[in-house]
Each structure stands twice: as structure tokens, then as C-alpha cells.
C-alpha atoms as a PDB file:
ATOM      1  CA  MET A   1       4.565 -16.889  41.829  1.00  0.00           C
ATOM      2  CA  LYS A   2       6.802 -17.993  38.963  1.00  0.00           C
ATOM      3  CA  LEU A   3       6.894 -21.588  37.848  1.00  0.00           C
ATOM      4  CA  GLY A   4       9.052 -23.390  35.398  1.00  0.00           C
ATOM      5  CA  PHE A   5      11.339 -26.172  34.481  1.00  0.00           C
ATOM      6  CA  ALA A   6      14.113 -26.391  37.037  1.00  0.00           C
ATOM      7  CA  LEU A   7      16.532 -26.165  34.156  1.00  0.00           C
ATOM      8  CA  LEU A   8      15.009 -22.760  33.455  1.00  0.00           C
ATOM      9  CA  CYS A   9      13.532 -21.379  36.615  1.00  0.00           C
ATOM     10  CA  VAL A  10      13.927 -23.584  39.640  1.00  0.00           C
ATOM     11  CA  LEU A  11      10.738 -24.671  41.412  1.00  0.00           C
ATOM     12  CA  ALA A  12      12.082 -24.205  44.883  1.00  0.00           C
ATOM     13  CA  PHE A  13      13.163 -20.668  44.000  1.00  0.00           C
ATOM     14  CA  GLN A  14       9.767 -19.948  42.496  1.00  0.00           C
ATOM     15  CA  GLN A  15       7.958 -21.065  45.620  1.00  0.00           C
ATOM     16  CA  LEU A  16       9.668 -18.158  47.360  1.00  0.00           C
ATOM     17  CA  GLY A  17       8.801 -15.698  44.574  1.00  0.00           C
ATOM     18  CA  CYS A  18      11.042 -13.334  42.636  1.00  0.00           C
ATOM     19  CA  GLY A  19      14.221 -12.387  44.421  1.00  0.00           C
ATOM     20  CA  GLY A  20      14.050 -15.257  46.910  1.00  0.00           C
ATOM     21  CA  THR A  21      17.083 -17.268  47.894  1.00  0.00           C
ATOM     22  CA  ILE A  22      17.327 -20.880  48.909  1.00  0.00           C
ATOM     23  CA  SER A  23      20.303 -21.586  51.106  1.00  0.00           C
ATOM     24  CA  PRO A  24      21.880 -24.994  50.644  1.00  0.00           C
ATOM     25  CA  PRO A  25      21.687 -27.428  53.550  1.00  0.00           C
ATOM     26  CA  THR A  26      24.677 -27.973  55.801  1.00  0.00           C
ATOM     27  CA  ASP A  27      25.499 -30.634  58.368  1.00  0.00           C
ATOM     28  CA  ASP A  28      23.657 -28.384  60.807  1.00  0.00           C
ATOM     29  CA  ALA A  29      20.288 -27.675  59.127  1.00  0.00           C
ATOM     30  CA  SER A  30      19.716 -24.714  61.433  1.00  0.00           C
ATOM     31  CA  SER A  31      22.585 -22.678  59.903  1.00  0.00           C
ATOM     32  CA  PRO A  32      22.556 -22.249  56.112  1.00  0.00           C
ATOM     33  CA  ALA A  33      25.885 -22.356  54.283  1.00  0.00           C
ATOM     34  CA  THR A  34      27.064 -19.368  52.322  1.00  0.00           C
ATOM     35  CA  ASP A  35      30.291 -20.699  50.802  1.00  0.00           C
ATOM     36  CA  SER A  36      29.679 -21.898  47.237  1.00  0.00           C
ATOM     37  CA  ALA A  37      32.295 -24.621  47.725  1.00  0.00           C
ATOM     38  CA  THR A  38      29.948 -26.367  50.193  1.00  0.00           C
ATOM     39  CA  LYS A  39      27.086 -26.813  47.709  1.00  0.00           C
ATOM     40  CA  ALA A  40      26.305 -30.347  46.601  1.00  0.00           C
ATOM     41  CA  PRO A  41      24.921 -30.881  43.074  1.00  0.00           C
ATOM     42  CA  SER A  42      21.469 -31.788  44.432  1.00  0.00           C
ATOM     43  CA  GLN A  43      21.104 -28.369  46.051  1.00  0.00           C
ATOM     44  CA  THR A  44      19.891 -25.153  44.502  1.00  0.00           C
ATOM     45  CA  GLU A  45      20.740 -21.547  45.181  1.00  0.00           C
ATOM     46  CA  THR A  46      19.577 -18.321  43.621  1.00  0.00           C
ATOM     47  CA  VAL A  47      22.661 -16.190  43.157  1.00  0.00           C
ATOM     48  CA  SER A  48      21.361 -12.856  41.837  1.00  0.00           C
ATOM     49  CA  THR A  49      18.130 -11.106  40.874  1.00  0.00           C
ATOM     50  CA  SER A  50      16.936  -8.266  38.680  1.00  0.00           C
ATOM     51  CA  ASP A  51      13.463  -7.205  37.617  1.00  0.00           C
ATOM     52  CA  ALA A  52      12.368  -7.241  33.984  1.00  0.00           C
ATOM     53  CA  ALA A  53      10.917  -4.150  32.357  1.00  0.00           C
ATOM     54  CA  ALA A  54       8.758  -3.798  29.275  1.00  0.00           C
ATOM     55  CA  VAL A  55      10.261  -2.464  26.031  1.00  0.00           C
ATOM     56  CA  ASP A  56       8.614   0.939  26.613  1.00  0.00           C
ATOM     57  CA  GLY A  57      10.388   1.302  29.983  1.00  0.00           C
ATOM     58  CA  SER A  58       7.339   0.562  32.135  1.00  0.00           C
ATOM     59  CA  THR A  59       7.470  -2.080  34.862  1.00  0.00           C
ATOM     60  CA  ARG A  60       5.090  -4.514  33.141  1.00  0.00           C
ATOM     61  CA  PRO A  61       6.669  -7.947  32.810  1.00  0.00           C
ATOM     62  CA  GLN A  62       7.706  -8.779  29.261  1.00  0.00           C
ATOM     63  CA  ALA A  63       6.793 -11.990  27.448  1.00  0.00           C
ATOM     64  CA  CYS A  64       9.947 -14.095  27.375  1.00  0.00           C
ATOM     65  CA  ASN A  65       8.900 -16.533  24.650  1.00  0.00           C
ATOM     66  CA  VAL A  66       5.954 -17.826  22.636  1.00  0.00           C
ATOM     67  CA  VAL A  67       6.271 -21.536  23.496  1.00  0.00           C
ATOM     68  CA  ALA A  68       2.886 -23.321  23.417  1.00  0.00           C
ATOM     69  CA  ASP A  69       2.072 -25.166  26.656  1.00  0.00           C
ATOM     70  CA  VAL A  70       1.249 -28.581  25.211  1.00  0.00           C
ATOM     71  CA  GLY A  71       1.626 -30.502  28.479  1.00  0.00           C
ATOM     72  CA  SER A  72      -1.113 -31.895  30.686  1.00  0.00           C
ATOM     73  CA  HIS A  73      -1.702 -30.914  34.295  1.00  0.00           C
ATOM     74  CA  VAL A  74       0.348 -33.048  36.704  1.00  0.00           C
ATOM     75  CA  ALA A  75      -0.475 -33.513  40.382  1.00  0.00           C
ATOM     76  CA  TRP A  76       2.363 -32.502  42.722  1.00  0.00           C
ATOM     77  CA  ASN A  77       2.997 -35.283  45.257  1.00  0.00           C
ATOM     78  CA  ASN A  78       5.054 -35.856  48.413  1.00  0.00           C
ATOM     79  CA  VAL A  79       6.878 -39.173  48.869  1.00  0.00           C
ATOM     80  CA  ALA A  80       8.324 -40.131  52.264  1.00  0.00           C
ATOM     81  CA  SER A  81      11.642 -41.522  51.045  1.00  0.00           C
ATOM     82  CA  VAL A  82      15.060 -40.433  49.854  1.00  0.00           C
ATOM     83  CA  PRO A  83      15.236 -39.214  46.239  1.00  0.00           C
ATOM     84  CA  PRO A  84      16.924 -41.139  43.441  1.00  0.00           C
ATOM     85  CA  THR A  85      20.568 -40.255  42.819  1.00  0.00           C
ATOM     86  CA  PRO A  86      21.250 -37.866  39.906  1.00  0.00           C
ATOM     87  CA  SER A  87      23.430 -39.401  37.179  1.00  0.00           C
ATOM     88  CA  GLY A  88      23.975 -36.552  34.691  1.00  0.00           C
ATOM     89  CA  GLY A  89      23.945 -37.374  30.972  1.00  0.00           C
ATOM     90  CA  THR A  90      23.456 -35.511  27.710  1.00  0.00           C
ATOM     91  CA  ILE A  91      20.510 -33.140  27.365  1.00  0.00           C
ATOM     92  CA  VAL A  92      18.992 -33.654  23.905  1.00  0.00           C
ATOM     93  CA  ASP A  93      17.393 -30.775  21.967  1.00  0.00           C
ATOM     94  CA  GLY A  94      13.617 -30.920  21.659  1.00  0.00           C
ATOM     95  CA  THR A  95      10.300 -30.084  23.282  1.00  0.00           C
ATOM     96  CA  TYR A  96       9.690 -31.610  26.703  1.00  0.00           C
ATOM     97  CA  VAL A  97       6.546 -31.767  28.845  1.00  0.00           C
ATOM     98  CA  LEU A  98       6.316 -32.235  32.602  1.00  0.00           C
ATOM     99  CA  VAL A  99       5.138 -35.776  33.397  1.00  0.00           C
ATOM    100  CA  ASP A 100       5.895 -36.041  37.128  1.00  0.00           C
ATOM    101  CA  LEU A 101       6.513 -33.646  40.011  1.00  0.00           C
ATOM    102  CA  THR A 102       7.524 -35.210  43.319  1.00  0.00           C
ATOM    103  CA  THR A 103       8.902 -33.814  46.554  1.00  0.00           C
ATOM    104  CA  TYR A 104      10.956 -36.465  48.358  1.00  0.00           C
ATOM    105  CA  THR A 105      10.478 -35.619  52.039  1.00  0.00           C
ATOM    106  CA  GLY A 106      12.757 -38.285  53.546  1.00  0.00           C
ATOM    107  CA  PRO A 107      11.836 -41.336  55.640  1.00  0.00           C
ATOM    108  CA  GLY A 108       8.958 -40.436  57.966  1.00  0.00           C
ATOM    109  CA  GLY A 109       8.263 -37.218  56.022  1.00  0.00           C
ATOM    110  CA  LYS A 110       5.061 -35.937  54.441  1.00  0.00           C
ATOM    111  CA  GLN A 111       3.256 -38.318  52.099  1.00  0.00           C
ATOM    112  CA  GLY A 112       0.555 -37.781  49.470  1.00  0.00           C
ATOM    113  CA  PRO A 113      -0.754 -35.034  47.193  1.00  0.00           C
ATOM    114  CA  THR A 114       0.130 -31.387  47.859  1.00  0.00           C
ATOM    115  CA  GLY A 115      -3.167 -30.228  46.345  1.00  0.00           C
ATOM    116  CA  GLU A 116      -1.388 -28.312  43.575  1.00  0.00           C
ATOM    117  CA  THR A 117      -1.293 -29.130  39.876  1.00  0.00           C
ATOM    118  CA  VAL A 118       1.363 -27.970  37.445  1.00  0.00           C
ATOM    119  CA  ARG A 119       1.660 -27.899  33.667  1.00  0.00           C
ATOM    120  CA  SER A 120       4.925 -27.101  31.895  1.00  0.00           C
ATOM    121  CA  THR A 121       6.459 -27.263  28.415  1.00  0.00           C
ATOM    122  CA  VAL A 122      10.142 -26.662  27.687  1.00  0.00           C
ATOM    123  CA  GLN A 123      11.899 -26.155  24.357  1.00  0.00           C
ATOM    124  CA  ILE A 124      15.644 -26.850  24.401  1.00  0.00           C
ATOM    125  CA  ALA A 125      17.990 -25.856  21.568  1.00  0.00           C
ATOM    126  CA  GLY A 126      21.714 -26.028  22.247  1.00  0.00           C
ATOM    127  CA  ASN A 127      22.275 -24.414  25.625  1.00  0.00           C
ATOM    128  CA  VAL A 128      19.069 -22.299  25.541  1.00  0.00           C
ATOM    129  CA  SER A 129      15.847 -23.336  27.226  1.00  0.00           C
ATOM    130  CA  GLN A 130      12.471 -21.623  26.864  1.00  0.00           C
ATOM    131  CA  VAL A 131       9.600 -22.516  29.169  1.00  0.00           C
ATOM    132  CA  VAL A 132       5.939 -21.872  29.678  1.00  0.00           C
ATOM    133  CA  SER A 133       4.392 -23.170  32.909  1.00  0.00           C
ATOM    134  CA  GLU A 134       1.131 -22.951  34.776  1.00  0.00           C
ATOM    135  CA  LEU A 135       0.631 -23.357  38.529  1.00  0.00           C
ATOM    136  CA  ASN A 136      -2.833 -22.911  39.999  1.00  0.00           C
ATOM    137  CA  GLY A 137      -4.034 -20.951  36.960  1.00  0.00           C
ATOM    138  CA  SER A 138      -1.054 -18.565  36.795  1.00  0.00           C
ATOM    139  CA  THR A 139       1.007 -18.808  33.560  1.00  0.00           C
ATOM    140  CA  ASN A 140       4.674 -17.814  33.507  1.00  0.00           C
ATOM    141  CA  ARG A 141       7.333 -17.715  30.800  1.00  0.00           C
ATOM    142  CA  ASN A 142      11.108 -17.863  31.222  1.00  0.00           C
ATOM    143  CA  THR A 143      14.187 -18.164  29.024  1.00  0.00           C
ATOM    144  CA  MET A 144      17.562 -19.390  30.305  1.00  0.00           C
ATOM    145  CA  THR A 145      20.964 -20.556  29.189  1.00  0.00           C
ATOM    146  CA  PHE A 146      22.584 -23.564  30.854  1.00  0.00           C
ATOM    147  CA  THR A 147      25.813 -25.492  31.224  1.00  0.00           C
ATOM    148  CA  THR A 148      26.353 -28.987  32.606  1.00  0.00           C
ATOM    149  CA  ASN A 149      29.258 -30.605  34.424  1.00  0.00           C
ATOM    150  CA  SER A 150      28.938 -34.252  35.493  1.00  0.00           C
ATOM    151  CA  THR A 151      25.621 -34.344  37.445  1.00  0.00           C
ATOM    152  CA  SER A 152      25.462 -30.559  38.017  1.00  0.00           C
ATOM    153  CA  ILE A 153      23.624 -28.009  35.931  1.00  0.00           C
ATOM    154  CA  ALA A 154      23.994 -24.233  36.141  1.00  0.00           C
ATOM    155  CA  HIS A 155      21.292 -22.142  34.520  1.00  0.00           C
ATOM    156  CA  THR A 156      21.049 -18.388  34.137  1.00  0.00           C
ATOM    157  CA  GLU A 157      17.828 -16.558  33.366  1.00  0.00           C
ATOM    158  CA  THR A 158      17.987 -14.219  30.395  1.00  0.00           C
ATOM    159  CA  CYS A 159      14.298 -13.295  30.658  1.00  0.00           C
ATOM    160  CA  PRO A 160      12.592 -11.998  32.725  1.00  0.00           C
ATOM    161  CA  GLY A 161      15.359 -11.791  35.359  1.00  0.00           C
ATOM    162  CA  LYS A 162      19.047 -12.511  35.687  1.00  0.00           C
ATOM    163  CA  ASN A 163      18.913 -15.232  38.372  1.00  0.00           C
ATOM    164  CA  THR A 164      21.523 -17.985  38.344  1.00  0.00           C
ATOM    165  CA  HIS A 165      20.600 -21.431  39.701  1.00  0.00           C
ATOM    166  CA  LEU A 166      22.601 -24.547  40.522  1.00  0.00           C
ATOM    167  CA  SER A 167      20.997 -27.991  40.711  1.00  0.00           C
ATOM    168  CA  ALA A 168      21.512 -31.616  39.696  1.00  0.00           C
ATOM    169  CA  PHE A 169      20.073 -33.630  36.817  1.00  0.00           C
ATOM    170  CA  THR A 170      19.690 -36.954  35.037  1.00  0.00           C
ATOM    171  CA  ALA A 171      19.161 -36.994  31.260  1.00  0.00           C
ATOM    172  CA  SER A 172      18.524 -39.660  28.632  1.00  0.00           C
ATOM    173  CA  GLU A 173      17.489 -39.392  24.980  1.00  0.00           C
ATOM    174  CA  SER A 174      13.842 -39.073  26.012  1.00  0.00           C
ATOM    175  CA  THR A 175      13.712 -37.692  29.574  1.00  0.00           C
ATOM    176  CA  ILE A 176      15.210 -35.086  31.864  1.00  0.00           C
ATOM    177  CA  LYS A 177      14.970 -35.154  35.658  1.00  0.00           C
ATOM    178  CA  VAL A 178      15.994 -32.065  37.586  1.00  0.00           C
ATOM    179  CA  PHE A 179      16.752 -32.278  41.319  1.00  0.00           C
ATOM    180  CA  VAL A 180      16.096 -29.157  43.397  1.00  0.00           C
ATOM    181  CA  ARG A 181      16.469 -28.667  47.126  1.00  0.00           C
ATOM    182  CA  GLY A 182      13.030 -28.211  48.661  1.00  0.00           C
ATOM    183  CA  PRO A 183      11.819 -25.730  51.265  1.00  0.00           C
ATOM    184  CA  SER A 184      13.592 -27.661  54.037  1.00  0.00           C
ATOM    185  CA  ALA A 185      17.031 -29.284  54.058  1.00  0.00           C
ATOM    186  CA  SER A 186      15.478 -32.765  54.144  1.00  0.00           C
ATOM    187  CA  GLU A 187      13.362 -32.264  50.995  1.00  0.00           C
ATOM    188  CA  THR A 188      14.296 -32.666  47.331  1.00  0.00           C
ATOM    189  CA  ILE A 189      11.937 -31.748  44.495  1.00  0.00           C
ATOM    190  CA  VAL A 190      12.323 -33.880  41.364  1.00  0.00           C
ATOM    191  CA  GLU A 191      10.766 -32.644  38.120  1.00  0.00           C
ATOM    192  CA  THR A 192      10.529 -35.263  35.359  1.00  0.00           C
ATOM    193  CA  TYR A 193      10.126 -34.156  31.727  1.00  0.00           C
ATOM    194  CA  ALA A 194       9.505 -36.399  28.704  1.00  0.00           C
ATOM    195  CA  ARG A 195      10.480 -35.423  25.171  1.00  0.00           C
ATOM    196  CA  ASN A 196       7.306 -34.785  23.175  1.00  0.00           C
END
């Protein structure tokens, strides 16, 4: 299982594993949309996938960066309410650590801890993000480029894969929140990072 900053490697995608796809919700939750014009900024989709290979041509995964994971473990929680509304903003260069991980399950949805803890550190310079994350003892590294437009963010892995993700965000001088569609159409995962 891969884990990382949604800006780099989207949590909902990682829950499915490499090569997974999350279809955006539609008015009818039983039939996923496939037209990119129907995607709202708060939704996430994996567009393409490729496997990384080591420099010597073997299939070992390659290390994508050497970022130190300076964050603390954060408990992943469910909250039975609607998520906050993304507002966009300017993403400021720096090192960020995960400080909150919440799945908004909607009114009447699941409530309380998921039983999982996550640790993640992200370095942002220009439009390049490098991440190291740990979920349940498994450490993963990713590097991505990103672009923003209003409240939407598009990020493309450059290592280890070539996945492209779309999601929503809110940024200030000291924090970044990334909004990712959860495993079901009624869930939104919000990752909150604070500049270190």
C-alpha cells in the first residue's frame, strides 16, 4: 500500500493500491462517471499508471527521494458530517508535516477512529513535491509535479509511477488541506499539513 500527501500521491488512490482507479461520484452513486467534464474539484481520479523499475532494469522499486520523515504519527478519524469547502489559495514552498487526517462520512455516517495511524512529511519547491509517508509501519516515497487552478489541483507522479490525480485544496502561508474523494461517493478524506 502506498501512502502520501494527496498533493503527491492521493490517499484514496493509495487505499486501492498501485494501478487502482477511483471513479468520481455522480448523481446516481451506483454508476460511476467516466467523462472528465463531470468531475468536481473535491473528487479524485487516477488517470494512468506505470510501474517503476530500478536503475539496473530489475523490478525493485526505486527510492524517489531522500526526504526525512520529521512528522509525528496522526490518528486517522471518521467524522459524521459534511467536509469543509475547499477555497484554493497559494501553495508556499517549504517542508510540511501531516497534522490531521479525517474522513468526512456525511450526516449519519461512521464516527470515530479508523484504527490506523499515519505519518507524512512533504517538501514543496516550485511545482515539485517530494513525500515520505508511513502507514501501519510501511514507508513509501513519491515525487510529483502539480498545477493549481482556483480550488482544483492536478498532480502527476514522476516517481515511482506516472499516475495523474485531480483533487481540491485550501492553502494558506502555513497550512495545506487536500480534499480527496473517499472509498464511497459520500466520503471525503481531508489531509491537513502544517509548514514545519
